[in-house]
Protein backbone atom coordinates (compact mmCIF):
# COMPACT_ATOMS: atom_id res chain seq x y z
CA ALA A 1 -48.93 70.01 59.80
CA ILE A 2 -49.57 66.63 58.29
CA ALA A 3 -53.29 67.15 58.75
CA SER A 4 -53.31 70.45 57.04
CA ASP A 5 -50.88 69.64 54.28
CA PRO A 6 -50.52 65.89 53.92
CA ALA A 7 -48.51 66.08 50.79
CA SER A 8 -45.86 68.69 52.23
CA ARG A 9 -42.41 67.00 52.52
CA SER A 10 -41.35 69.15 55.64
CA ALA A 11 -44.47 68.02 57.24
CA TYR A 12 -44.24 64.14 56.77
CA MET A 13 -40.74 64.15 57.02
CA GLY A 14 -40.89 65.69 60.42
CA TYR A 15 -43.09 63.06 61.69
CA VAL A 16 -40.74 60.36 60.17
CA LYS A 17 -37.92 61.73 62.23
CA LEU A 18 -40.04 61.77 65.34
CA LEU A 19 -40.66 58.07 64.78
CA ALA A 20 -37.02 57.45 64.13
CA ALA A 21 -36.14 59.31 67.33
CA GLN A 22 -38.34 57.14 69.21
CA ARG A 23 -36.92 54.07 67.50
CA ARG A 24 -40.34 53.17 66.24
CA TRP A 25 -38.57 51.74 62.93
CA LEU A 26 -41.81 49.48 61.96
CA ASP A 27 -44.10 52.16 61.93
CA ILE A 28 -42.22 54.12 59.42
CA GLU A 29 -43.06 52.12 56.31
CA PRO A 30 -46.87 52.04 56.60
CA PHE A 31 -46.85 55.61 57.26
CA PHE A 32 -44.73 56.19 53.87
CA VAL A 33 -47.23 53.90 51.98
CA GLU A 34 -50.19 56.00 53.38
CA ILE A 35 -48.53 59.39 52.38
CA LEU A 36 -47.86 58.20 49.10
CA LYS A 37 -51.80 57.98 48.44
CA LYS A 38 -51.92 61.57 49.31
CA GLY A 39 -50.46 62.71 46.14
CA GLY A 40 -48.06 65.49 45.78
CA ASN A 41 -44.59 64.95 44.46
CA THR A 42 -44.69 61.00 44.45
CA SER A 43 -41.27 60.83 42.74
CA GLU A 44 -39.64 62.46 46.11
CA LYS A 45 -41.64 60.39 48.27
CA HIS A 46 -40.57 57.28 46.60
CA MET A 47 -36.84 58.56 47.15
CA ASP A 48 -37.57 59.05 50.77
CA LEU A 49 -39.05 55.54 51.20
CA ALA A 50 -36.07 54.02 49.31
CA GLN A 51 -33.70 55.68 51.86
CA TYR A 52 -35.77 54.21 54.58
CA TYR A 53 -35.48 50.70 53.04
CA LEU A 54 -31.71 51.28 52.66
CA GLY A 55 -31.53 52.15 56.42
CA ARG A 56 -33.22 48.88 57.18
CA GLU A 57 -31.23 46.83 54.74
CA LYS A 58 -34.00 45.96 52.52
CA TYR A 59 -32.04 46.50 49.43
CA ASP A 60 -34.34 45.13 46.63
CA LEU A 61 -37.11 47.51 48.00
CA ALA A 62 -34.80 50.30 48.17
CA GLU A 63 -33.66 49.89 44.46
CA GLU A 64 -37.29 49.47 43.52
CA ASN A 65 -38.41 52.72 44.87
CA TYR A 66 -35.39 54.57 43.37
CA GLN A 67 -36.28 53.18 39.94
CA LYS A 68 -40.08 54.22 40.68
CA ALA A 69 -38.74 57.90 41.57
CA ILE A 70 -37.01 57.86 38.15
CA ASP A 71 -40.01 56.83 36.31
CA LEU A 72 -42.23 59.46 37.96
CA ALA A 73 -40.00 62.48 37.96
CA GLU A 74 -40.26 65.20 35.55
CA LYS A 75 -36.44 66.07 35.85
CA LYS A 76 -34.81 62.97 36.31
CA VAL A 77 -31.24 64.19 37.31
CA ILE A 78 -31.90 63.98 41.20
CA PRO A 79 -33.35 60.46 41.43
CA LEU A 80 -30.75 59.16 39.04
CA MET A 81 -28.12 60.62 41.11
CA LYS A 82 -29.78 59.02 44.34
CA LEU A 83 -29.75 55.63 42.75
CA ALA A 84 -26.12 55.89 41.77
CA GLU A 85 -25.39 56.83 45.40
CA PHE A 86 -27.33 53.79 46.24
CA TYR A 87 -25.24 51.67 43.98
CA ALA A 88 -22.10 53.05 45.56
CA LYS A 89 -23.29 52.20 48.96
CA ARG A 90 -23.88 48.72 47.81
CA LYS A 91 -20.51 48.51 46.30
CA MET A 92 -21.91 47.85 42.85
CA LYS A 93 -19.22 50.14 40.93
CA ASP A 94 -20.29 49.70 37.33
CA GLN A 95 -23.88 50.37 38.07
CA ALA A 96 -22.95 53.45 40.16
CA ILE A 97 -20.79 55.01 37.59
CA VAL A 98 -23.15 54.49 34.76
CA THR A 99 -26.05 55.77 36.54
CA MET A 100 -24.14 58.94 37.47
CA LYS A 101 -22.90 59.26 33.99
CA ASN A 102 -26.48 58.98 32.66
CA ALA A 103 -27.49 62.08 34.92
CA LEU A 104 -24.44 63.79 33.45
CA LEU A 105 -25.83 63.10 29.97
CA ILE A 106 -28.94 65.14 30.65
CA GLU A 107 -27.12 68.04 32.46
CA PRO A 108 -23.31 68.04 31.22
CA LYS A 109 -22.65 71.45 32.52
CA ASN A 110 -24.00 70.86 35.91
CA PRO A 111 -21.06 70.86 38.39
CA MET A 112 -22.93 69.04 41.12
CA ILE A 113 -23.24 65.89 39.05
CA HIS A 114 -19.49 66.16 38.08
CA SER A 115 -18.53 66.64 41.93
CA SER A 116 -20.92 63.56 42.83
CA LEU A 117 -19.28 61.46 40.04
CA SER A 118 -15.99 62.43 41.65
CA GLU A 119 -17.46 61.02 45.04
CA ILE A 120 -18.23 57.81 43.50
CA TYR A 121 -14.82 57.39 41.77
CA LEU A 122 -13.31 58.05 45.26
CA HIS A 123 -15.57 55.55 46.95
CA PHE A 124 -14.21 53.08 44.73
CA ASN A 125 -10.47 53.94 45.10
CA MET A 126 -10.15 55.54 41.75
CA PRO A 127 -8.15 58.62 42.60
CA GLU A 128 -7.15 59.85 39.30
CA GLN A 129 -10.66 59.57 37.86
CA ALA A 130 -11.98 61.36 41.03
CA LEU A 131 -9.54 64.28 40.69
CA ASN A 132 -10.38 64.71 37.01
CA ALA A 133 -14.24 64.74 37.68
CA VAL A 134 -13.92 67.22 40.51
CA ASN A 135 -11.61 69.44 38.29
CA SER A 136 -14.29 69.23 35.56
CA ALA A 137 -16.70 70.61 38.08
CA LEU A 138 -14.52 73.36 39.19
CA LYS A 139 -13.72 74.40 35.53
CA ILE A 140 -17.55 75.15 35.16
CA ASP A 141 -17.62 77.07 38.35
CA SER A 142 -14.28 77.50 40.12
CA GLN A 143 -16.21 78.58 43.37
CA TYR A 144 -18.48 75.69 43.59
CA ILE A 145 -18.33 74.88 47.17
CA ASP A 146 -19.27 71.33 47.00
CA ALA A 147 -16.65 70.70 44.44
CA LEU A 148 -14.01 72.64 46.66
CA PHE A 149 -14.93 70.47 49.47
CA GLN A 150 -14.79 67.19 47.20
CA LYS A 151 -11.46 68.26 46.04
CA GLY A 152 -10.32 68.39 49.76
CA ARG A 153 -11.58 64.87 50.18
CA VAL A 154 -9.47 63.81 47.18
CA LEU A 155 -6.32 65.35 48.59
CA TYR A 156 -7.21 63.66 52.21
CA ALA A 157 -7.45 60.29 50.38
CA ALA A 158 -4.14 60.93 48.76
CA LYS A 159 -2.73 61.77 52.21
CA GLU A 160 -1.94 65.37 51.03
CA PHE A 161 -3.29 66.35 54.50
CA LYS A 162 -1.79 70.15 54.68
CA LYS A 163 -3.21 70.82 50.98
CA ALA A 164 -6.57 69.22 52.00
CA LEU A 165 -6.72 71.20 55.06
CA ASP A 166 -6.26 74.42 53.24
CA LEU A 167 -9.28 73.51 50.91
CA PHE A 168 -11.46 72.67 54.16
CA ASP A 169 -10.34 76.25 55.51
CA HIS A 170 -11.37 77.79 52.39
CA VAL A 171 -14.85 76.13 52.20
CA LEU A 172 -15.22 77.30 55.69
CA SER A 173 -14.14 80.79 54.90
CA VAL A 174 -16.97 80.96 52.50
CA ASN A 175 -19.57 78.87 54.43
CA ARG A 176 -18.99 78.82 58.13
CA ILE A 177 -21.82 76.15 58.70
CA TYR A 178 -20.57 73.67 56.44
CA ALA A 179 -20.56 70.71 58.72
CA LYS A 180 -18.68 68.29 56.86
CA ALA A 181 -15.67 70.58 56.32
CA TYR A 182 -15.29 70.71 60.21
CA TYR A 183 -15.44 66.95 60.33
CA TYR A 184 -12.79 66.56 57.66
CA ARG A 185 -10.66 69.32 59.03
CA ALA A 186 -10.63 67.37 62.37
CA LEU A 187 -9.52 64.34 60.48
CA CYS A 188 -6.62 66.30 58.65
CA ILE A 189 -5.42 67.76 62.09
CA ASP A 190 -5.60 64.09 63.50
CA LYS A 191 -3.35 63.09 60.67
CA ARG A 192 -0.86 65.95 61.72
CA GLY A 193 -2.07 67.93 58.71
CA ALA A 194 -1.81 71.19 60.85
CA THR A 195 1.76 70.66 61.89
CA ASP A 196 4.34 73.02 60.99
CA ARG A 197 1.74 75.36 59.17
CA PRO A 198 3.14 78.79 59.44
CA GLU A 199 0.01 80.24 61.34
CA GLN A 200 -0.13 77.30 63.79
CA GLU A 201 2.52 78.76 66.08
CA ILE A 202 0.70 82.05 66.50
CA PHE A 203 -2.62 80.10 67.36
CA ARG A 204 -0.74 77.92 69.81
CA ALA A 205 0.80 81.05 71.38
CA ALA A 206 -2.70 82.69 71.67
CA ALA A 207 -4.08 79.66 73.17
CA GLY A 208 -1.27 79.25 75.86
CA GLN A 209 0.12 76.01 74.30
CA LEU A 210 3.27 77.31 72.45
CA ASP A 211 5.30 74.40 73.79
CA LYS A 212 2.42 71.87 73.59
CA PRO A 213 1.63 71.34 69.81
CA GLU A 214 0.18 67.76 70.43
CA ASP A 215 -2.20 68.98 73.17
CA PHE A 216 -3.21 72.01 70.97
CA GLU A 217 -4.00 69.69 68.05
CA LYS A 218 -6.00 67.60 70.16
CA ASP A 219 -8.29 70.55 71.33
CA GLN A 220 -8.55 71.50 67.86
CA ILE A 221 -9.72 68.10 66.75
CA LYS A 222 -12.45 67.88 69.40
CA GLY A 223 -13.36 71.54 68.78
CA ASN A 224 -13.99 70.72 65.02
CA LEU A 225 -15.87 67.59 65.86
CA LEU A 226 -18.16 69.61 68.26
CA ALA A 227 -18.68 72.37 65.54
CA ALA A 228 -19.69 69.77 63.04
CA ILE A 229 -22.16 68.13 65.48
CA LYS A 230 -23.55 71.57 66.76
CA ILE A 231 -24.40 72.34 63.00
CA ASP A 232 -25.55 68.85 61.97
CA PRO A 233 -26.63 66.81 65.15
CA GLY A 234 -27.34 63.92 62.91
CA MET A 235 -23.68 63.56 61.73
CA VAL A 236 -23.07 60.18 63.23
CA ASP A 237 -19.47 59.70 61.86
CA ALA A 238 -18.47 62.95 63.68
CA ARG A 239 -20.24 61.56 66.95
CA ILE A 240 -18.47 58.11 66.45
CA LYS A 241 -15.05 60.01 66.05
CA LEU A 242 -15.59 62.11 69.00
CA THR A 243 -16.75 59.14 71.12
CA GLU A 244 -13.45 57.17 70.46
CA ILE A 245 -11.55 60.31 71.57
CA TYR A 246 -13.73 60.60 74.80
CA ILE A 247 -13.01 56.77 75.46
CA ARG A 248 -9.41 57.12 74.87
CA ASP A 249 -9.18 60.18 77.09
CA ARG A 250 -11.29 58.69 79.70
CA GLU A 251 -13.85 61.17 79.58
CA LEU A 252 -16.38 58.35 80.01
CA LYS A 253 -19.60 60.61 80.86
CA LYS A 254 -19.11 62.60 77.62
CA GLY A 255 -18.40 59.34 75.73
CA LYS A 256 -21.74 57.90 77.07
CA GLU A 257 -23.53 60.98 76.26
CA GLN A 258 -22.33 60.75 72.59
CA ILE A 259 -23.42 56.97 72.33
CA ASP A 260 -26.86 57.92 73.49
CA GLU A 261 -27.12 60.22 70.92
CA ILE A 262 -25.93 57.89 68.22
CA LEU A 263 -28.26 55.30 69.15
CA LYS A 264 -30.99 57.74 68.68
CA LEU A 265 -29.89 58.55 65.26
CA SER A 266 -29.08 55.30 64.04
CA PRO A 267 -30.17 51.43 64.50
CA PRO A 268 -27.48 49.75 66.16
CA ASN A 269 -24.84 48.33 63.73
CA ILE A 270 -21.62 46.53 64.10
CA LYS A 271 -19.46 49.55 64.29
CA ILE A 272 -21.67 51.38 66.78
CA LEU A 273 -21.97 48.20 69.04
CA THR A 274 -18.07 47.69 68.83
CA LEU A 275 -17.78 51.31 70.03
CA LEU A 276 -20.23 50.64 72.86
CA SER A 277 -18.16 47.65 73.80
CA GLY A 278 -15.31 49.88 73.94
CA LEU A 279 -17.10 52.15 76.51
CA ARG A 280 -18.32 49.36 78.63
CA ILE A 281 -14.66 48.00 79.04
CA ALA A 282 -13.46 51.62 79.91
CA GLU A 283 -16.17 51.59 82.36
CA GLY A 284 -15.13 48.44 83.86
CA ASN A 285 -18.30 46.83 82.93
CA TYR A 286 -16.69 43.69 81.47
CA LYS A 287 -19.68 41.38 81.40
CA GLU A 288 -21.84 43.86 79.37
CA ALA A 289 -18.80 44.34 77.05
CA GLU A 290 -18.44 40.55 76.57
CA LYS A 291 -22.10 40.04 76.09
CA ILE A 292 -21.92 42.90 73.31
CA LEU A 293 -18.75 41.36 71.59
CA ARG A 294 -20.21 37.84 71.61
CA SER A 295 -23.51 39.03 69.88
CA ILE A 296 -21.16 40.91 67.19
CA ILE A 297 -19.34 37.61 66.64
CA GLN A 298 -22.43 35.73 66.42
CA GLU A 299 -23.84 38.22 63.98
CA LYS A 300 -20.76 38.60 61.89
CA PRO A 301 -18.19 35.66 62.77
CA ASP A 302 -15.55 37.22 60.40
CA TYR A 303 -15.63 40.62 62.03
CA MET A 304 -11.83 40.31 63.27
CA ALA A 305 -12.11 43.38 65.32
CA ALA A 306 -14.50 42.04 67.69
CA HIS A 307 -12.42 38.80 68.17
CA ILE A 308 -9.38 40.92 68.84
CA ARG A 309 -11.28 43.11 71.42
CA LEU A 310 -12.68 39.96 73.13
CA GLY A 311 -9.38 38.53 73.47
CA LEU A 312 -7.87 41.62 74.82
CA LEU A 313 -10.80 41.73 77.23
CA TYR A 314 -10.09 38.32 78.66
CA LYS A 315 -6.45 39.23 78.97
CA SER A 316 -7.09 42.55 80.83
CA VAL A 317 -9.40 40.47 83.53
CA GLY A 318 -6.64 37.77 83.88
CA ASP A 319 -8.35 34.80 82.05
CA THR A 320 -5.35 33.92 79.80
CA LYS A 321 -6.69 30.69 78.48
CA LYS A 322 -9.92 32.36 77.21
CA SER A 323 -7.83 35.08 75.61
CA ILE A 324 -5.27 32.71 73.91
CA ASP A 325 -8.21 30.52 72.59
CA ILE A 326 -10.07 33.54 71.08
CA LEU A 327 -6.81 35.06 69.49
CA LYS A 328 -5.67 31.73 68.29
CA ALA A 329 -8.96 31.15 66.37
CA ILE A 330 -8.70 34.26 64.39
């Protein structure tokens, strides 16, 4: 496909995904550089390259390529939005908000931009502004699905779990393959957002779990997470949540399957390695768990979760002195 149409995004991104699946991370950059020479939509290609650099934590190169994408774009809204999202991920609040508002200046009646601005406000824990922005999107288009989903996220952040769940249900009634809605639906149920809803008793009775609301909700959480990754196999957050549940429920084979998939999708980071250490502990492989936790602490000495887990690991194997030493040092 690349040979016949090297400028086609679907062709070259298919190859990039193959390289990522094979964990050939260092082969991706020179491939992108070569593809940029082939012409086509160079703005889009710079955005793809920026996304790669972001994943490799080469932030200066990522920002540089987002800026090139803006300069080269005929319509600058999308690259501006991507740059704003980049700044949000880098915790650069002012730059993120200003950049998204610059996109809004170009298309003030675009509900997608209002909804994305709401995401940035929510990211920076600005709930009132997030709600106002998403309401602005819904004033333009009351059935704009991404804005309905985003309002659900705002309500979830405000701990209005039942109201949020109602919105995610509405999103799924319109679009049955909205993967993120299943994921957030699972999070709402996990927070007991489904408890005492009028229809829950009917559903539990149909499932033969009328007197077991907690078991029913656990099944619903798993079911929604599985639906999310079936629709979007690359949804790492849903896989992480599912793995945590499998480890907690001692379904270790399923937990290992999810970890393997996560590692295919993403370079190992501290969160993923911590999860892997939890699986190794549950398997009884304490030496491997210790090795992983020690590597995390070496990489990020102030990451308290790794210190605590290592201290508890030593306690579980009867090494009280090491446990106390680790926990005292926190």
